[in-house]
Amino acid sequence: MVREWWRDRERILEYLRDQVHEWERYDRWIPNQRAVEGALDFAAYIAGGTDSGSLETDLQIYLYWLQERRSPSPADRLPEL
């Protein structure tokens, strides 16, 4: 299931791009909403990473945990998506 979602992640990125104009409206209506900023940060996280990490790495760590029932050490090889 995780790998299927990862392969289809472009749909999420497309949705985020398509909805930016709606979130811009919310940001104008509600002070400090920052919906556009959050959506763009999430898109960056999915697309390749941010200063705080990448979804690809986080999903690989999650898959490792599902398979091994423990967190990976720096020496462990993470599974492919």
N, C-alpha and C. Protein backbone atom coordinates (compact mmCIF):
# COMPACT_ATOMS: atom_id res chain seq x y z
N MET A 1 0.81 -1.19 0.00
CA MET A 1 0.00 0.00 0.00
C MET A 1 0.87 1.27 0.00
N VAL A 2 1.92 1.29 0.79
CA VAL A 2 2.81 2.45 0.86
C VAL A 2 3.47 2.68 -0.50
N ARG A 3 3.94 1.61 -1.11
CA ARG A 3 4.60 1.74 -2.41
C ARG A 3 3.61 2.19 -3.49
N GLU A 4 2.39 1.71 -3.43
CA GLU A 4 1.37 2.15 -4.39
C GLU A 4 1.11 3.64 -4.25
N TRP A 5 0.96 4.10 -3.03
CA TRP A 5 0.73 5.52 -2.81
C TRP A 5 1.91 6.33 -3.34
N TRP A 6 3.12 5.88 -3.05
CA TRP A 6 4.31 6.60 -3.49
C TRP A 6 4.36 6.71 -5.02
N ARG A 7 4.03 5.63 -5.71
CA ARG A 7 4.05 5.65 -7.18
C ARG A 7 3.02 6.62 -7.73
N ASP A 8 1.95 6.86 -6.99
CA ASP A 8 0.85 7.71 -7.45
C ASP A 8 0.89 9.12 -6.83
N ARG A 9 2.01 9.50 -6.26
CA ARG A 9 2.11 10.76 -5.53
C ARG A 9 1.90 11.98 -6.41
N GLU A 10 2.10 11.84 -7.71
CA GLU A 10 1.90 12.98 -8.61
C GLU A 10 0.46 13.50 -8.54
N ARG A 11 -0.50 12.62 -8.25
CA ARG A 11 -1.89 13.06 -8.10
C ARG A 11 -2.03 14.03 -6.94
N ILE A 12 -1.32 13.78 -5.86
CA ILE A 12 -1.37 14.68 -4.70
C ILE A 12 -0.73 16.02 -5.06
N LEU A 13 0.40 15.97 -5.73
CA LEU A 13 1.06 17.22 -6.13
C LEU A 13 0.18 18.01 -7.08
N GLU A 14 -0.49 17.34 -7.99
CA GLU A 14 -1.40 18.01 -8.92
C GLU A 14 -2.56 18.66 -8.15
N TYR A 15 -3.11 17.94 -7.19
CA TYR A 15 -4.19 18.49 -6.37
C TYR A 15 -3.73 19.75 -5.65
N LEU A 16 -2.55 19.68 -5.05
CA LEU A 16 -2.03 20.84 -4.33
C LEU A 16 -1.86 22.04 -5.26
N ARG A 17 -1.33 21.81 -6.46
CA ARG A 17 -1.17 22.90 -7.42
C ARG A 17 -2.53 23.47 -7.82
N ASP A 18 -3.50 22.59 -8.04
CA ASP A 18 -4.82 23.04 -8.49
C ASP A 18 -5.58 23.82 -7.43
N GLN A 19 -5.31 23.57 -6.17
CA GLN A 19 -6.07 24.18 -5.08
C GLN A 19 -5.44 25.45 -4.51
N VAL A 20 -4.27 25.82 -4.96
CA VAL A 20 -3.59 26.99 -4.39
C VAL A 20 -4.48 28.23 -4.43
N HIS A 21 -5.20 28.43 -5.52
CA HIS A 21 -6.06 29.62 -5.62
C HIS A 21 -7.15 29.62 -4.55
N GLU A 22 -7.67 28.45 -4.20
CA GLU A 22 -8.68 28.37 -3.12
C GLU A 22 -8.06 28.71 -1.77
N TRP A 23 -6.89 28.19 -1.53
CA TRP A 23 -6.25 28.46 -0.24
C TRP A 23 -5.81 29.91 -0.13
N GLU A 24 -5.50 30.53 -1.26
CA GLU A 24 -5.20 31.97 -1.22
C GLU A 24 -6.41 32.76 -0.72
N ARG A 25 -7.60 32.34 -1.14
CA ARG A 25 -8.82 32.98 -0.64
C ARG A 25 -8.96 32.79 0.87
N TYR A 26 -8.72 31.59 1.36
CA TYR A 26 -8.80 31.34 2.80
C TYR A 26 -7.81 32.22 3.55
N ASP A 27 -6.61 32.34 3.01
CA ASP A 27 -5.60 33.15 3.67
C ASP A 27 -6.02 34.61 3.77
N ARG A 28 -6.77 35.09 2.79
CA ARG A 28 -7.26 36.48 2.85
C ARG A 28 -8.39 36.63 3.88
N TRP A 29 -9.21 35.58 4.02
CA TRP A 29 -10.36 35.65 4.94
C TRP A 29 -9.95 35.47 6.40
N ILE A 30 -9.00 34.61 6.65
CA ILE A 30 -8.63 34.27 8.03
C ILE A 30 -7.19 34.71 8.28
N PRO A 31 -7.01 35.71 9.13
CA PRO A 31 -5.65 36.17 9.42
C PRO A 31 -4.78 35.03 9.98
N ASN A 32 -3.55 35.00 9.54
CA ASN A 32 -2.56 34.01 10.01
C ASN A 32 -2.91 32.57 9.63
N GLN A 33 -3.80 32.37 8.67
CA GLN A 33 -4.16 31.02 8.24
C GLN A 33 -2.96 30.30 7.63
N ARG A 34 -2.27 30.94 6.68
CA ARG A 34 -1.08 30.42 6.02
C ARG A 34 -1.32 29.08 5.33
N ALA A 35 -2.50 28.93 4.74
CA ALA A 35 -2.83 27.68 4.05
C ALA A 35 -1.94 27.47 2.84
N VAL A 36 -1.69 28.51 2.08
CA VAL A 36 -0.84 28.38 0.89
C VAL A 36 0.57 27.96 1.30
N GLU A 37 1.10 28.59 2.32
CA GLU A 37 2.43 28.23 2.80
C GLU A 37 2.50 26.76 3.20
N GLY A 38 1.48 26.29 3.91
CA GLY A 38 1.44 24.89 4.32
C GLY A 38 1.35 23.94 3.14
N ALA A 39 0.52 24.29 2.16
CA ALA A 39 0.37 23.44 0.98
C ALA A 39 1.66 23.38 0.19
N LEU A 40 2.32 24.51 0.02
CA LEU A 40 3.58 24.53 -0.72
C LEU A 40 4.68 23.78 0.03
N ASP A 41 4.70 23.89 1.34
CA ASP A 41 5.66 23.13 2.15
C ASP A 41 5.42 21.63 2.01
N PHE A 42 4.15 21.23 2.04
CA PHE A 42 3.82 19.81 1.90
C PHE A 42 4.21 19.31 0.51
N ALA A 43 3.96 20.11 -0.52
CA ALA A 43 4.34 19.73 -1.88
C ALA A 43 5.86 19.55 -1.98
N ALA A 44 6.62 20.44 -1.36
CA ALA A 44 8.08 20.32 -1.37
C ALA A 44 8.52 19.06 -0.64
N TYR A 45 7.89 18.76 0.46
CA TYR A 45 8.19 17.55 1.25
C TYR A 45 7.96 16.30 0.41
N ILE A 46 6.88 16.26 -0.35
CA ILE A 46 6.58 15.12 -1.21
C ILE A 46 7.55 15.07 -2.39
N ALA A 47 7.81 16.21 -3.00
CA ALA A 47 8.56 16.26 -4.25
C ALA A 47 10.05 15.98 -4.10
N GLY A 48 10.59 16.17 -2.94
CA GLY A 48 12.01 15.91 -2.85
C GLY A 48 12.65 16.31 -1.56
N GLY A 49 11.90 16.93 -0.73
CA GLY A 49 12.42 17.22 0.58
C GLY A 49 12.54 18.69 0.90
N THR A 50 12.65 18.92 2.17
CA THR A 50 12.81 20.26 2.72
C THR A 50 13.95 20.18 3.73
N ASP A 51 14.20 21.28 4.39
CA ASP A 51 15.23 21.27 5.44
C ASP A 51 14.91 20.28 6.55
N SER A 52 13.61 20.00 6.73
CA SER A 52 13.21 19.09 7.81
C SER A 52 13.09 17.64 7.37
N GLY A 53 13.38 17.33 6.10
CA GLY A 53 13.36 15.95 5.65
C GLY A 53 12.57 15.76 4.37
N SER A 54 12.43 14.50 3.99
CA SER A 54 11.68 14.18 2.78
C SER A 54 10.70 13.04 3.07
N LEU A 55 9.60 13.07 2.36
CA LEU A 55 8.62 12.01 2.52
C LEU A 55 9.20 10.67 2.07
N GLU A 56 9.99 10.68 1.02
CA GLU A 56 10.58 9.43 0.54
C GLU A 56 11.37 8.73 1.64
N THR A 57 12.24 9.46 2.31
CA THR A 57 13.03 8.88 3.40
C THR A 57 12.13 8.44 4.55
N ASP A 58 11.17 9.27 4.91
CA ASP A 58 10.27 8.91 6.01
C ASP A 58 9.47 7.65 5.69
N LEU A 59 9.04 7.50 4.44
CA LEU A 59 8.31 6.28 4.06
C LEU A 59 9.23 5.06 4.05
N GLN A 60 10.47 5.25 3.65
CA GLN A 60 11.42 4.13 3.69
C GLN A 60 11.65 3.68 5.14
N ILE A 61 11.77 4.63 6.04
CA ILE A 61 11.94 4.29 7.46
C ILE A 61 10.70 3.57 7.98
N TYR A 62 9.54 4.05 7.58
CA TYR A 62 8.28 3.41 7.99
C TYR A 62 8.20 1.98 7.45
N LEU A 63 8.54 1.78 6.18
CA LEU A 63 8.53 0.42 5.62
C LEU A 63 9.51 -0.48 6.36
N TYR A 64 10.66 0.06 6.69
CA TYR A 64 11.64 -0.72 7.45
C TYR A 64 11.03 -1.16 8.78
N TRP A 65 10.39 -0.21 9.45
CA TRP A 65 9.77 -0.54 10.74
C TRP A 65 8.69 -1.60 10.56
N LEU A 66 7.88 -1.49 9.52
CA LEU A 66 6.83 -2.49 9.29
C LEU A 66 7.42 -3.88 9.07
N GLN A 67 8.53 -3.95 8.37
CA GLN A 67 9.17 -5.23 8.06
C GLN A 67 9.95 -5.80 9.24
N GLU A 68 10.65 -4.94 9.96
CA GLU A 68 11.58 -5.39 11.00
C GLU A 68 11.07 -5.19 12.42
N ARG A 69 10.02 -4.39 12.58
CA ARG A 69 9.45 -4.05 13.89
C ARG A 69 10.45 -3.36 14.80
N ARG A 70 11.32 -2.58 14.17
CA ARG A 70 12.26 -1.74 14.91
C ARG A 70 12.72 -0.62 14.00
N SER A 71 13.20 0.44 14.60
CA SER A 71 13.74 1.55 13.82
C SER A 71 15.07 1.16 13.22
N PRO A 72 15.38 1.65 12.03
CA PRO A 72 16.67 1.31 11.42
C PRO A 72 17.81 2.04 12.11
N SER A 73 18.94 1.39 12.11
CA SER A 73 20.17 2.04 12.59
C SER A 73 20.83 2.69 11.36
N PRO A 74 21.81 3.53 11.58
CA PRO A 74 22.51 4.13 10.43
C PRO A 74 23.13 3.09 9.50
N ALA A 75 23.45 1.91 10.01
CA ALA A 75 24.07 0.86 9.19
C ALA A 75 23.04 0.06 8.39
N ASP A 76 21.78 0.15 8.75
CA ASP A 76 20.74 -0.63 8.06
C ASP A 76 20.42 -0.04 6.70
N ARG A 77 20.14 -0.91 5.75
CA ARG A 77 19.73 -0.48 4.42
C ARG A 77 18.22 -0.31 4.39
N LEU A 78 17.78 0.84 3.95
CA LEU A 78 16.35 1.11 3.88
C LEU A 78 15.75 0.45 2.64
N PRO A 79 14.51 -0.01 2.75
CA PRO A 79 13.87 -0.64 1.58
C PRO A 79 13.58 0.37 0.47
N GLU A 80 13.53 -0.12 -0.74
CA GLU A 80 13.19 0.71 -1.89
C GLU A 80 11.69 0.95 -1.91
N LEU A 81 11.33 2.10 -2.45
CA LEU A 81 9.91 2.39 -2.65
C LEU A 81 9.57 1.96 -4.05
